[in-house]
Amino acid sequence: MTTKEWLTQGKYINKEIRALKDALDKAENLSSLCANDDNSNYITELQSKIDELFRTNSDIVSAIYQVEDNILRTLLIERFINNKTWEMVSLRLGYDFYHVVKRLYPKAVAEVEKVKKIAS
């Protein structure tokens, strides 16, 4: 998985966690009506997946916060944690859209790649 793909997960993890949390709540409500091993296994599986997604999200946030340049770090947070569009990221940073997407974003990804290599 490339660094871009890894970072892009951050955009969707929170949505997936919310969806899994809804499923978990429904399963827990059903378990109060009828307790059986299948439902218990399902609840455990849902919670395990939520925990895994939290760990992945935590790893992404940790890598982003190791980027020293605050402009690049803000770009990464806005795009991959706050799920902002490139237009919104550009406005937030006060830079031209082209400059953000073509210049700053590749630099930001390269910085995260460095962080990931050091951690490996």
PDB file of N, CA and C in Angstrom:
ATOM      1  N   MET A   1       0.846  -1.176   0.000  1.00  0.00           N
ATOM      2  CA  MET A   1       0.000   0.000   0.000  1.00  0.00           C
ATOM      3  C   MET A   1       0.890   1.237   0.000  1.00  0.00           C
ATOM      4  N   THR A   2       0.607   2.158  -0.908  1.00  0.00           N
ATOM      5  CA  THR A   2       1.405   3.384  -0.981  1.00  0.00           C
ATOM      6  C   THR A   2       1.051   4.306   0.180  1.00  0.00           C
ATOM      7  N   THR A   3       1.898   5.287   0.404  1.00  0.00           N
ATOM      8  CA  THR A   3       1.640   6.264   1.465  1.00  0.00           C
ATOM      9  C   THR A   3       0.363   7.036   1.183  1.00  0.00           C
ATOM     10  N   LYS A   4       0.126   7.388  -0.072  1.00  0.00           N
ATOM     11  CA  LYS A   4      -1.121   8.095  -0.416  1.00  0.00           C
ATOM     12  C   LYS A   4      -2.339   7.250  -0.085  1.00  0.00           C
ATOM     13  N   GLU A   5      -2.296   5.969  -0.416  1.00  0.00           N
ATOM     14  CA  GLU A   5      -3.419   5.074  -0.117  1.00  0.00           C
ATOM     15  C   GLU A   5      -3.612   4.939   1.395  1.00  0.00           C
ATOM     16  N   TRP A   6      -2.498   4.821   2.101  1.00  0.00           N
ATOM     17  CA  TRP A   6      -2.548   4.689   3.556  1.00  0.00           C
ATOM     18  C   TRP A   6      -3.187   5.933   4.184  1.00  0.00           C
ATOM     19  N   LEU A   7      -2.757   7.115   3.734  1.00  0.00           N
ATOM     20  CA  LEU A   7      -3.324   8.353   4.253  1.00  0.00           C
ATOM     21  C   LEU A   7      -4.808   8.483   3.898  1.00  0.00           C
ATOM     22  N   THR A   8      -5.161   8.077   2.696  1.00  0.00           N
ATOM     23  CA  THR A   8      -6.540   8.210   2.234  1.00  0.00           C
ATOM     24  C   THR A   8      -7.500   7.407   3.109  1.00  0.00           C
ATOM     25  N   GLN A   9      -7.014   6.341   3.714  1.00  0.00           N
ATOM     26  CA  GLN A   9      -7.853   5.588   4.651  1.00  0.00           C
ATOM     27  C   GLN A   9      -8.416   6.493   5.736  1.00  0.00           C
ATOM     28  N   GLY A  10      -7.595   7.458   6.149  1.00  0.00           N
ATOM     29  CA  GLY A  10      -8.002   8.374   7.211  1.00  0.00           C
ATOM     30  C   GLY A  10      -9.260   9.146   6.887  1.00  0.00           C
ATOM     31  N   LYS A  11      -9.488   9.394   5.595  1.00  0.00           N
ATOM     32  CA  LYS A  11     -10.686  10.124   5.187  1.00  0.00           C
ATOM     33  C   LYS A  11     -11.955   9.339   5.457  1.00  0.00           C
ATOM     34  N   TYR A  12     -11.861   8.029   5.437  1.00  0.00           N
ATOM     35  CA  TYR A  12     -13.060   7.195   5.509  1.00  0.00           C
ATOM     36  C   TYR A  12     -13.190   6.392   6.794  1.00  0.00           C
ATOM     37  N   ILE A  13     -12.134   6.353   7.583  1.00  0.00           N
ATOM     38  CA  ILE A  13     -12.165   5.545   8.801  1.00  0.00           C
ATOM     39  C   ILE A  13     -13.258   6.001   9.763  1.00  0.00           C
ATOM     40  N   ASN A  14     -13.380   7.299   9.979  1.00  0.00           N
ATOM     41  CA  ASN A  14     -14.384   7.783  10.929  1.00  0.00           C
ATOM     42  C   ASN A  14     -15.797   7.419  10.486  1.00  0.00           C
ATOM     43  N   LYS A  15     -16.043   7.467   9.190  1.00  0.00           N
ATOM     44  CA  LYS A  15     -17.360   7.082   8.678  1.00  0.00           C
ATOM     45  C   LYS A  15     -17.606   5.595   8.916  1.00  0.00           C
ATOM     46  N   GLU A  16     -16.591   4.787   8.666  1.00  0.00           N
ATOM     47  CA  GLU A  16     -16.738   3.352   8.870  1.00  0.00           C
ATOM     48  C   GLU A  16     -16.920   3.023  10.352  1.00  0.00           C
ATOM     49  N   ILE A  17     -16.193   3.722  11.222  1.00  0.00           N
ATOM     50  CA  ILE A  17     -16.338   3.495  12.655  1.00  0.00           C
ATOM     51  C   ILE A  17     -17.765   3.827  13.094  1.00  0.00           C
ATOM     52  N   ARG A  18     -18.304   4.954  12.602  1.00  0.00           N
ATOM     53  CA  ARG A  18     -19.687   5.318  12.947  1.00  0.00           C
ATOM     54  C   ARG A  18     -20.671   4.241  12.493  1.00  0.00           C
ATOM     55  N   ALA A  19     -20.479   3.729  11.281  1.00  0.00           N
ATOM     56  CA  ALA A  19     -21.365   2.693  10.758  1.00  0.00           C
ATOM     57  C   ALA A  19     -21.261   1.420  11.598  1.00  0.00           C
ATOM     58  N   LEU A  20     -20.040   1.033  11.954  1.00  0.00           N
ATOM     59  CA  LEU A  20     -19.850  -0.156  12.783  1.00  0.00           C
ATOM     60  C   LEU A  20     -20.417   0.045  14.189  1.00  0.00           C
ATOM     61  N   LYS A  21     -20.281   1.257  14.710  1.00  0.00           N
ATOM     62  CA  LYS A  21     -20.835   1.562  16.038  1.00  0.00           C
ATOM     63  C   LYS A  21     -22.353   1.432  16.016  1.00  0.00           C
ATOM     64  N   ASP A  22     -23.005   1.898  14.951  1.00  0.00           N
ATOM     65  CA  ASP A  22     -24.455   1.728  14.818  1.00  0.00           C
ATOM     66  C   ASP A  22     -24.825   0.245  14.788  1.00  0.00           C
ATOM     67  N   ALA A  23     -24.069  -0.539  14.025  1.00  0.00           N
ATOM     68  CA  ALA A  23     -24.313  -1.978  13.941  1.00  0.00           C
ATOM     69  C   ALA A  23     -24.101  -2.632  15.308  1.00  0.00           C
ATOM     70  N   LEU A  24     -23.074  -2.190  16.026  1.00  0.00           N
ATOM     71  CA  LEU A  24     -22.792  -2.728  17.353  1.00  0.00           C
ATOM     72  C   LEU A  24     -23.928  -2.415  18.318  1.00  0.00           C
ATOM     73  N   ASP A  25     -24.417  -1.174  18.284  1.00  0.00           N
ATOM     74  CA  ASP A  25     -25.537  -0.790  19.149  1.00  0.00           C
ATOM     75  C   ASP A  25     -26.769  -1.654  18.874  1.00  0.00           C
ATOM     76  N   LYS A  26     -27.068  -1.886  17.599  1.00  0.00           N
ATOM     77  CA  LYS A  26     -28.215  -2.722  17.245  1.00  0.00           C
ATOM     78  C   LYS A  26     -28.014  -4.156  17.724  1.00  0.00           C
ATOM     79  N   ALA A  27     -26.812  -4.679  17.551  1.00  0.00           N
ATOM     80  CA  ALA A  27     -26.519  -6.049  17.980  1.00  0.00           C
ATOM     81  C   ALA A  27     -26.628  -6.173  19.496  1.00  0.00           C
ATOM     82  N   GLU A  28     -26.149  -5.162  20.218  1.00  0.00           N
ATOM     83  CA  GLU A  28     -26.241  -5.201  21.680  1.00  0.00           C
ATOM     84  C   GLU A  28     -27.693  -5.122  22.143  1.00  0.00           C
ATOM     85  N   ASN A  29     -28.500  -4.319  21.451  1.00  0.00           N
ATOM     86  CA  ASN A  29     -29.927  -4.251  21.784  1.00  0.00           C
ATOM     87  C   ASN A  29     -30.602  -5.589  21.540  1.00  0.00           C
ATOM     88  N   LEU A  30     -30.248  -6.257  20.453  1.00  0.00           N
ATOM     89  CA  LEU A  30     -30.821  -7.569  20.160  1.00  0.00           C
ATOM     90  C   LEU A  30     -30.352  -8.618  21.157  1.00  0.00           C
ATOM     91  N   SER A  31     -29.136  -8.480  21.624  1.00  0.00           N
ATOM     92  CA  SER A  31     -28.602  -9.483  22.556  1.00  0.00           C
ATOM     93  C   SER A  31     -29.349  -9.455  23.875  1.00  0.00           C
ATOM     94  N   SER A  32     -29.923  -8.304  24.217  1.00  0.00           N
ATOM     95  CA  SER A  32     -30.707  -8.252  25.455  1.00  0.00           C
ATOM     96  C   SER A  32     -32.002  -9.054  25.313  1.00  0.00           C
ATOM     97  N   LEU A  33     -32.466  -9.237  24.076  1.00  0.00           N
ATOM     98  CA  LEU A  33     -33.677 -10.015  23.832  1.00  0.00           C
ATOM     99  C   LEU A  33     -33.406 -11.509  23.779  1.00  0.00           C
ATOM    100  N   CYS A  34     -32.308 -11.857  23.152  1.00  0.00           N
ATOM    101  CA  CYS A  34     -31.974 -13.274  23.024  1.00  0.00           C
ATOM    102  C   CYS A  34     -30.455 -13.438  23.045  1.00  0.00           C
ATOM    103  N   ALA A  35     -29.975 -14.023  24.085  1.00  0.00           N
ATOM    104  CA  ALA A  35     -28.527 -14.224  24.217  1.00  0.00           C
ATOM    105  C   ALA A  35     -28.152 -15.581  23.622  1.00  0.00           C
ATOM    106  N   ASN A  36     -27.294 -15.526  22.590  1.00  0.00           N
ATOM    107  CA  ASN A  36     -26.759 -16.767  22.041  1.00  0.00           C
ATOM    108  C   ASN A  36     -25.325 -16.525  21.584  1.00  0.00           C
ATOM    109  N   ASP A  37     -24.619 -17.604  21.314  1.00  0.00           N
ATOM    110  CA  ASP A  37     -23.205 -17.513  20.962  1.00  0.00           C
ATOM    111  C   ASP A  37     -22.977 -16.772  19.651  1.00  0.00           C
ATOM    112  N   ASP A  38     -23.886 -16.948  18.675  1.00  0.00           N
ATOM    113  CA  ASP A  38     -23.709 -16.277  17.384  1.00  0.00           C
ATOM    114  C   ASP A  38     -23.733 -14.764  17.544  1.00  0.00           C
ATOM    115  N   ASN A  39     -24.670 -14.276  18.324  1.00  0.00           N
ATOM    116  CA  ASN A  39     -24.772 -12.834  18.536  1.00  0.00           C
ATOM    117  C   ASN A  39     -23.569 -12.320  19.326  1.00  0.00           C
ATOM    118  N   SER A  40     -23.133 -13.089  20.302  1.00  0.00           N
ATOM    119  CA  SER A  40     -21.964 -12.718  21.090  1.00  0.00           C
ATOM    120  C   SER A  40     -20.713 -12.653  20.210  1.00  0.00           C
ATOM    121  N   ASN A  41     -20.560 -13.616  19.314  1.00  0.00           N
ATOM    122  CA  ASN A  41     -19.425 -13.617  18.385  1.00  0.00           C
ATOM    123  C   ASN A  41     -19.495 -12.423  17.441  1.00  0.00           C
ATOM    124  N   TYR A  42     -20.703 -12.104  16.993  1.00  0.00           N
ATOM    125  CA  TYR A  42     -20.899 -10.957  16.091  1.00  0.00           C
ATOM    126  C   TYR A  42     -20.512  -9.649  16.791  1.00  0.00           C
ATOM    127  N   ILE A  43     -20.942  -9.502  18.032  1.00  0.00           N
ATOM    128  CA  ILE A  43     -20.602  -8.299  18.808  1.00  0.00           C
ATOM    129  C   ILE A  43     -19.090  -8.196  18.996  1.00  0.00           C
ATOM    130  N   THR A  44     -18.456  -9.305  19.320  1.00  0.00           N
ATOM    131  CA  THR A  44     -17.002  -9.331  19.499  1.00  0.00           C
ATOM    132  C   THR A  44     -16.287  -8.976  18.202  1.00  0.00           C
ATOM    133  N   GLU A  45     -16.785  -9.498  17.095  1.00  0.00           N
ATOM    134  CA  GLU A  45     -16.186  -9.204  15.784  1.00  0.00           C
ATOM    135  C   GLU A  45     -16.326  -7.723  15.431  1.00  0.00           C
ATOM    136  N   LEU A  46     -17.495  -7.142  15.686  1.00  0.00           N
ATOM    137  CA  LEU A  46     -17.696  -5.716  15.416  1.00  0.00           C
ATOM    138  C   LEU A  46     -16.756  -4.865  16.270  1.00  0.00           C
ATOM    139  N   GLN A  47     -16.668  -5.173  17.552  1.00  0.00           N
ATOM    140  CA  GLN A  47     -15.798  -4.406  18.436  1.00  0.00           C
ATOM    141  C   GLN A  47     -14.342  -4.543  18.030  1.00  0.00           C
ATOM    142  N   SER A  48     -13.948  -5.719  17.595  1.00  0.00           N
ATOM    143  CA  SER A  48     -12.580  -5.949  17.134  1.00  0.00           C
ATOM    144  C   SER A  48     -12.262  -5.092  15.909  1.00  0.00           C
ATOM    145  N   LYS A  49     -13.193  -5.017  14.974  1.00  0.00           N
ATOM    146  CA  LYS A  49     -12.992  -4.208  13.769  1.00  0.00           C
ATOM    147  C   LYS A  49     -12.916  -2.726  14.128  1.00  0.00           C
ATOM    148  N   ILE A  50     -13.766  -2.269  15.046  1.00  0.00           N
ATOM    149  CA  ILE A  50     -13.717  -0.869  15.493  1.00  0.00           C
ATOM    150  C   ILE A  50     -12.361  -0.568  16.119  1.00  0.00           C
ATOM    151  N   ASP A  51     -11.875  -1.472  16.969  1.00  0.00           N
ATOM    152  CA  ASP A  51     -10.563  -1.287  17.605  1.00  0.00           C
ATOM    153  C   ASP A  51      -9.447  -1.215  16.564  1.00  0.00           C
ATOM    154  N   GLU A  52      -9.520  -2.077  15.568  1.00  0.00           N
ATOM    155  CA  GLU A  52      -8.514  -2.090  14.492  1.00  0.00           C
ATOM    156  C   GLU A  52      -8.513  -0.764  13.728  1.00  0.00           C
ATOM    157  N   LEU A  53      -9.699  -0.243  13.437  1.00  0.00           N
ATOM    158  CA  LEU A  53      -9.794   1.034  12.725  1.00  0.00           C
ATOM    159  C   LEU A  53      -9.263   2.183  13.576  1.00  0.00           C
ATOM    160  N   PHE A  54      -9.542   2.153  14.878  1.00  0.00           N
ATOM    161  CA  PHE A  54      -8.994   3.178  15.769  1.00  0.00           C
ATOM    162  C   PHE A  54      -7.468   3.138  15.767  1.00  0.00           C
ATOM    163  N   ARG A  55      -6.894   1.937  15.775  1.00  0.00           N
ATOM    164  CA  ARG A  55      -5.423   1.813  15.742  1.00  0.00           C
ATOM    165  C   ARG A  55      -4.858   2.381  14.435  1.00  0.00           C
ATOM    166  N   THR A  56      -5.497   2.055  13.323  1.00  0.00           N
ATOM    167  CA  THR A  56      -5.039   2.577  12.028  1.00  0.00           C
ATOM    168  C   THR A  56      -5.126   4.089  12.016  1.00  0.00           C
ATOM    169  N   ASN A  57      -6.251   4.632  12.487  1.00  0.00           N
ATOM    170  CA  ASN A  57      -6.426   6.080  12.527  1.00  0.00           C
ATOM    171  C   ASN A  57      -5.389   6.725  13.441  1.00  0.00           C
ATOM    172  N   SER A  58      -5.113   6.086  14.552  1.00  0.00           N
ATOM    173  CA  SER A  58      -4.109   6.592  15.480  1.00  0.00           C
ATOM    174  C   SER A  58      -2.725   6.601  14.840  1.00  0.00           C
ATOM    175  N   ASP A  59      -2.403   5.566  14.075  1.00  0.00           N
ATOM    176  CA  ASP A  59      -1.117   5.506  13.371  1.00  0.00           C
ATOM    177  C   ASP A  59      -0.996   6.639  12.349  1.00  0.00           C
ATOM    178  N   ILE A  60      -2.085   6.899  11.635  1.00  0.00           N
ATOM    179  CA  ILE A  60      -2.081   7.971  10.635  1.00  0.00           C
ATOM    180  C   ILE A  60      -1.888   9.317  11.315  1.00  0.00           C
ATOM    181  N   VAL A  61      -2.637   9.568  12.379  1.00  0.00           N
ATOM    182  CA  VAL A  61      -2.518  10.837  13.108  1.00  0.00           C
ATOM    183  C   VAL A  61      -1.111  10.988  13.676  1.00  0.00           C
ATOM    184  N   SER A  62      -0.572   9.919  14.223  1.00  0.00           N
ATOM    185  CA  SER A  62       0.779   9.960  14.780  1.00  0.00           C
ATOM    186  C   SER A  62       1.810  10.314  13.711  1.00  0.00           C
ATOM    187  N   ALA A  63       1.691   9.704  12.541  1.00  0.00           N
ATOM    188  CA  ALA A  63       2.627  10.001  11.444  1.00  0.00           C
ATOM    189  C   ALA A  63       2.493  11.455  10.997  1.00  0.00           C
ATOM    190  N   ILE A  64       1.263  11.937  10.893  1.00  0.00           N
ATOM    191  CA  ILE A  64       1.037  13.327  10.482  1.00  0.00           C
ATOM    192  C   ILE A  64       1.676  14.283  11.483  1.00  0.00           C
ATOM    193  N   TYR A  65       1.532  14.008  12.767  1.00  0.00           N
ATOM    194  CA  TYR A  65       2.078  14.913  13.774  1.00  0.00           C
ATOM    195  C   TYR A  65       3.591  14.872  13.876  1.00  0.00           C
ATOM    196  N   GLN A  66       4.216  13.934  13.209  1.00  0.00           N
ATOM    197  CA  GLN A  66       5.674  13.903  13.167  1.00  0.00           C
ATOM    198  C   GLN A  66       6.235  14.729  12.010  1.00  0.00           C
ATOM    199  N   VAL A  67       5.363  15.201  11.119  1.00  0.00           N
ATOM    200  CA  VAL A  67       5.797  16.089  10.039  1.00  0.00           C
ATOM    201  C   VAL A  67       6.120  17.436  10.673  1.00  0.00           C
ATOM    202  N   GLU A  68       7.326  17.919  10.450  1.00  0.00           N
ATOM    203  CA  GLU A  68       7.782  19.126  11.138  1.00  0.00           C
ATOM    204  C   GLU A  68       7.186  20.417  10.584  1.00  0.00           C
ATOM    205  N   ASP A  69       6.985  20.510   9.294  1.00  0.00           N
ATOM    206  CA  ASP A  69       6.457  21.726   8.669  1.00  0.00           C
ATOM    207  C   ASP A  69       4.978  21.885   9.007  1.00  0.00           C
ATOM    208  N   ASN A  70       4.635  22.998   9.677  1.00  0.00           N
ATOM    209  CA  ASN A  70       3.249  23.161  10.119  1.00  0.00           C
ATOM    210  C   ASN A  70       2.256  23.354   8.969  1.00  0.00           C
ATOM    211  N   ILE A  71       2.686  23.910   7.849  1.00  0.00           N
ATOM    212  CA  ILE A  71       1.794  24.048   6.686  1.00  0.00           C
ATOM    213  C   ILE A  71       1.467  22.669   6.121  1.00  0.00           C
ATOM    214  N   LEU A  72       2.481  21.841   5.957  1.00  0.00           N
ATOM    215  CA  LEU A  72       2.265  20.485   5.449  1.00  0.00           C
ATOM    216  C   LEU A  72       1.432  19.662   6.423  1.00  0.00           C
ATOM    217  N   ARG A  73       1.715  19.827   7.693  1.00  0.00           N
ATOM    218  CA  ARG A  73       0.959  19.102   8.718  1.00  0.00           C
ATOM    219  C   ARG A  73      -0.514  19.527   8.704  1.00  0.00           C
ATOM    220  N   THR A  74      -0.757  20.812   8.584  1.00  0.00           N
ATOM    221  CA  THR A  74      -2.138  21.311   8.520  1.00  0.00           C
ATOM    222  C   THR A  74      -2.846  20.793   7.282  1.00  0.00           C
ATOM    223  N   LEU A  75      -2.156  20.785   6.156  1.00  0.00           N
ATOM    224  CA  LEU A  75      -2.716  20.225   4.918  1.00  0.00           C
ATOM    225  C   LEU A  75      -3.149  18.783   5.146  1.00  0.00           C
ATOM    226  N   LEU A  76      -2.280  17.986   5.726  1.00  0.00           N
ATOM    227  CA  LEU A  76      -2.573  16.571   5.960  1.00  0.00           C
ATOM    228  C   LEU A  76      -3.750  16.389   6.923  1.00  0.00           C
ATOM    229  N   ILE A  77      -3.790  17.183   7.963  1.00  0.00           N
ATOM    230  CA  ILE A  77      -4.891  17.093   8.927  1.00  0.00           C
ATOM    231  C   ILE A  77      -6.215  17.450   8.265  1.00  0.00           C
ATOM    232  N   GLU A  78      -6.216  18.578   7.552  1.00  0.00           N
ATOM    233  CA  GLU A  78      -7.464  19.026   6.914  1.00  0.00           C
ATOM    234  C   GLU A  78      -7.962  18.007   5.892  1.00  0.00           C
ATOM    235  N   ARG A  79      -7.060  17.452   5.121  1.00  0.00           N
ATOM    236  CA  ARG A  79      -7.469  16.535   4.052  1.00  0.00           C
ATOM    237  C   ARG A  79      -7.811  15.135   4.577  1.00  0.00           C
ATOM    238  N   PHE A  80      -6.955  14.572   5.397  1.00  0.00           N
ATOM    239  CA  PHE A  80      -7.099  13.159   5.745  1.00  0.00           C
ATOM    240  C   PHE A  80      -7.737  12.889   7.099  1.00  0.00           C
ATOM    241  N   ILE A  81      -7.764  13.864   7.977  1.00  0.00           N
ATOM    242  CA  ILE A  81      -8.429  13.676   9.257  1.00  0.00           C
ATOM    243  C   ILE A  81      -9.785  14.378   9.258  1.00  0.00           C
ATOM    244  N   ASN A  82      -9.804  15.626   8.782  1.00  0.00           N
ATOM    245  CA  ASN A  82     -11.053  16.395   8.755  1.00  0.00           C
ATOM    246  C   ASN A  82     -11.863  16.182   7.483  1.00  0.00           C
ATOM    247  N   ASN A  83     -11.304  15.413   6.529  1.00  0.00           N
ATOM    248  CA  ASN A  83     -12.011  15.033   5.295  1.00  0.00           C
ATOM    249  C   ASN A  83     -12.469  16.238   4.470  1.00  0.00           C
ATOM    250  N   LYS A  84     -11.634  17.259   4.368  1.00  0.00           N
ATOM    251  CA  LYS A  84     -11.953  18.457   3.590  1.00  0.00           C
ATOM    252  C   LYS A  84     -11.592  18.260   2.121  1.00  0.00           C
ATOM    253  N   THR A  85     -12.307  18.958   1.256  1.00  0.00           N
ATOM    254  CA  THR A  85     -11.972  18.939  -0.171  1.00  0.00           C
ATOM    255  C   THR A  85     -10.702  19.748  -0.379  1.00  0.00           C
ATOM    256  N   TRP A  86     -10.093  19.567  -1.553  1.00  0.00           N
ATOM    257  CA  TRP A  86      -8.877  20.340  -1.848  1.00  0.00           C
ATOM    258  C   TRP A  86      -9.177  21.831  -1.874  1.00  0.00           C
ATOM    259  N   GLU A  87     -10.346  22.215  -2.327  1.00  0.00           N
ATOM    260  CA  GLU A  87     -10.719  23.628  -2.342  1.00  0.00           C
ATOM    261  C   GLU A  87     -10.760  24.188  -0.923  1.00  0.00           C
ATOM    262  N   MET A  88     -11.343  23.419  -0.018  1.00  0.00           N
ATOM    263  CA  MET A  88     -11.426  23.853   1.377  1.00  0.00           C
ATOM    264  C   MET A  88     -10.044  23.906   2.026  1.00  0.00           C
ATOM    265  N   VAL A  89      -9.211  22.933   1.701  1.00  0.00           N
ATOM    266  CA  VAL A  89      -7.840  22.925   2.234  1.00  0.00           C
ATOM    267  C   VAL A  89      -7.098  24.169   1.734  1.00  0.00           C
ATOM    268  N   SER A  90      -7.256  24.479   0.461  1.00  0.00           N
ATOM    269  CA  SER A  90      -6.591  25.652  -0.126  1.00  0.00           C
ATOM    270  C   SER A  90      -7.019  26.937   0.581  1.00  0.00           C
ATOM    271  N   LEU A  91      -8.319  27.076   0.797  1.00  0.00           N
ATOM    272  CA  LEU A  91      -8.825  28.264   1.487  1.00  0.00           C
ATOM    273  C   LEU A  91      -8.293  28.343   2.913  1.00  0.00           C
ATOM    274  N   ARG A  92      -8.292  27.225   3.600  1.00  0.00           N
ATOM    275  CA  ARG A  92      -7.837  27.193   4.992  1.00  0.00           C
ATOM    276  C   ARG A  92      -6.362  27.580   5.096  1.00  0.00           C
ATOM    277  N   LEU A  93      -5.559  27.100   4.125  1.00  0.00           N
ATOM    278  CA  LEU A  93      -4.125  27.395   4.154  1.00  0.00           C
ATOM    279  C   LEU A  93      -3.803  28.773   3.591  1.00  0.00           C
ATOM    280  N   GLY A  94      -4.726  29.331   2.803  1.00  0.00           N
ATOM    281  CA  GLY A  94      -4.477  30.631   2.194  1.00  0.00           C
ATOM    282  C   GLY A  94      -3.575  30.557   0.978  1.00  0.00           C
ATOM    283  N   TYR A  95      -3.569  29.402   0.322  1.00  0.00           N
ATOM    284  CA  TYR A  95      -2.764  29.201  -0.871  1.00  0.00           C
ATOM    285  C   TYR A  95      -3.664  28.877  -2.052  1.00  0.00           C
ATOM    286  N   ASP A  96      -3.138  29.122  -3.240  1.00  0.00           N
ATOM    287  CA  ASP A  96      -3.821  28.779  -4.475  1.00  0.00           C
ATOM    288  C   ASP A  96      -4.038  27.264  -4.546  1.00  0.00           C
ATOM    289  N   PHE A  97      -5.178  26.864  -5.101  1.00  0.00           N
ATOM    290  CA  PHE A  97      -5.530  25.456  -5.248  1.00  0.00           C
ATOM    291  C   PHE A  97      -4.407  24.671  -5.929  1.00  0.00           C
ATOM    292  N   TYR A  98      -3.919  25.183  -7.046  1.00  0.00           N
ATOM    293  CA  TYR A  98      -2.867  24.499  -7.796  1.00  0.00           C
ATOM    294  C   TYR A  98      -1.624  24.310  -6.935  1.00  0.00           C
ATOM    295  N   HIS A  99      -1.252  25.338  -6.202  1.00  0.00           N
ATOM    296  CA  HIS A  99      -0.061  25.266  -5.356  1.00  0.00           C
ATOM    297  C   HIS A  99      -0.215  24.177  -4.283  1.00  0.00           C
ATOM    298  N   VAL A 100      -1.391  24.092  -3.704  1.00  0.00           N
ATOM    299  CA  VAL A 100      -1.641  23.095  -2.660  1.00  0.00           C
ATOM    300  C   VAL A 100      -1.575  21.682  -3.234  1.00  0.00           C
ATOM    301  N   VAL A 101      -2.284  21.468  -4.354  1.00  0.00           N
ATOM    302  CA  VAL A 101      -2.392  20.113  -4.911  1.00  0.00           C
ATOM    303  C   VAL A 101      -1.109  19.669  -5.608  1.00  0.00           C
ATOM    304  N   LYS A 102      -0.489  20.545  -6.342  1.00  0.00           N
ATOM    305  CA  LYS A 102       0.672  20.154  -7.149  1.00  0.00           C
ATOM    306  C   LYS A 102       2.011  20.336  -6.460  1.00  0.00           C
ATOM    307  N   ARG A 103       2.084  21.231  -5.493  1.00  0.00           N
ATOM    308  CA  ARG A 103       3.376  21.494  -4.846  1.00  0.00           C
ATOM    309  C   ARG A 103       3.424  21.011  -3.398  1.00  0.00           C
ATOM    310  N   LEU A 104       2.457  21.483  -2.599  1.00  0.00           N
ATOM    311  CA  LEU A 104       2.506  21.167  -1.174  1.00  0.00           C
ATOM    312  C   LEU A 104       2.133  19.719  -0.870  1.00  0.00           C
ATOM    313  N   TYR A 105       1.113  19.214  -1.536  1.00  0.00           N
ATOM    314  CA  TYR A 105       0.662  17.851  -1.264  1.00  0.00           C
ATOM    315  C   TYR A 105       1.754  16.809  -1.535  1.00  0.00           C
ATOM    316  N   PRO A 106       2.437  16.848  -2.681  1.00  0.00           N
ATOM    317  CA  PRO A 106       3.532  15.879  -2.868  1.00  0.00           C
ATOM    318  C   PRO A 106       4.626  15.990  -1.799  1.00  0.00           C
ATOM    319  N   LYS A 107       4.919  17.221  -1.373  1.00  0.00           N
ATOM    320  CA  LYS A 107       5.915  17.404  -0.304  1.00  0.00           C
ATOM    321  C   LYS A 107       5.419  16.780   1.003  1.00  0.00           C
ATOM    322  N   ALA A 108       4.137  16.970   1.292  1.00  0.00           N
ATOM    323  CA  ALA A 108       3.559  16.428   2.523  1.00  0.00           C
ATOM    324  C   ALA A 108       3.610  14.904   2.516  1.00  0.00           C
ATOM    325  N   VAL A 109       3.258  14.302   1.393  1.00  0.00           N
ATOM    326  CA  VAL A 109       3.301  12.843   1.277  1.00  0.00           C
ATOM    327  C   VAL A 109       4.737  12.345   1.437  1.00  0.00           C
ATOM    328  N   ALA A 110       5.680  13.040   0.845  1.00  0.00           N
ATOM    329  CA  ALA A 110       7.091  12.650   0.970  1.00  0.00           C
ATOM    330  C   ALA A 110       7.544  12.713   2.431  1.00  0.00           C
ATOM    331  N   GLU A 111       7.083  13.709   3.159  1.00  0.00           N
ATOM    332  CA  GLU A 111       7.432  13.820   4.576  1.00  0.00           C
ATOM    333  C   GLU A 111       6.847  12.656   5.378  1.00  0.00           C
ATOM    334  N   VAL A 112       5.620  12.270   5.071  1.00  0.00           N
ATOM    335  CA  VAL A 112       5.008  11.126   5.761  1.00  0.00           C
ATOM    336  C   VAL A 112       5.752   9.843   5.404  1.00  0.00           C
ATOM    337  N   GLU A 113       6.178   9.713   4.146  1.00  0.00           N
ATOM    338  CA  GLU A 113       6.964   8.538   3.749  1.00  0.00           C
ATOM    339  C   GLU A 113       8.241   8.442   4.575  1.00  0.00           C
ATOM    340  N   LYS A 114       8.907   9.574   4.794  1.00  0.00           N
ATOM    341  CA  LYS A 114      10.117   9.598   5.622  1.00  0.00           C
ATOM    342  C   LYS A 114       9.804   9.125   7.048  1.00  0.00           C
ATOM    343  N   VAL A 115       8.707   9.623   7.588  1.00  0.00           N
ATOM    344  CA  VAL A 115       8.303   9.255   8.937  1.00  0.00           C
ATOM    345  C   VAL A 115       8.030   7.763   9.025  1.00  0.00           C
ATOM    346  N   LYS A 116       7.323   7.231   8.026  1.00  0.00           N
ATOM    347  CA  LYS A 116       7.004   5.795   8.026  1.00  0.00           C
ATOM    348  C   LYS A 116       8.259   4.939   7.916  1.00  0.00           C
ATOM    349  N   LYS A 117       9.255   5.392   7.124  1.00  0.00           N
ATOM    350  CA  LYS A 117      10.496   4.625   6.973  1.00  0.00           C
ATOM    351  C   LYS A 117      11.281   4.614   8.285  1.00  0.00           C
ATOM    352  N   ILE A 118      11.289   5.740   8.961  1.00  0.00           N
ATOM    353  CA  ILE A 118      12.002   5.830  10.245  1.00  0.00           C
ATOM    354  C   ILE A 118      11.335   4.898  11.257  1.00  0.00           C
ATOM    355  N   ALA A 119       9.993   4.843  11.240  1.00  0.00           N
ATOM    356  CA  ALA A 119       9.262   4.011  12.196  1.00  0.00           C
ATOM    357  C   ALA A 119       9.405   2.527  11.908  1.00  0.00           C
ATOM    358  N   SER A 120       9.711   2.193  10.663  1.00  0.00           N
ATOM    359  CA  SER A 120       9.801   0.769  10.287  1.00  0.00           C
ATOM    360  C   SER A 120      11.049   0.097  10.786  1.00  0.00           C
TER     361      SER A 120
END
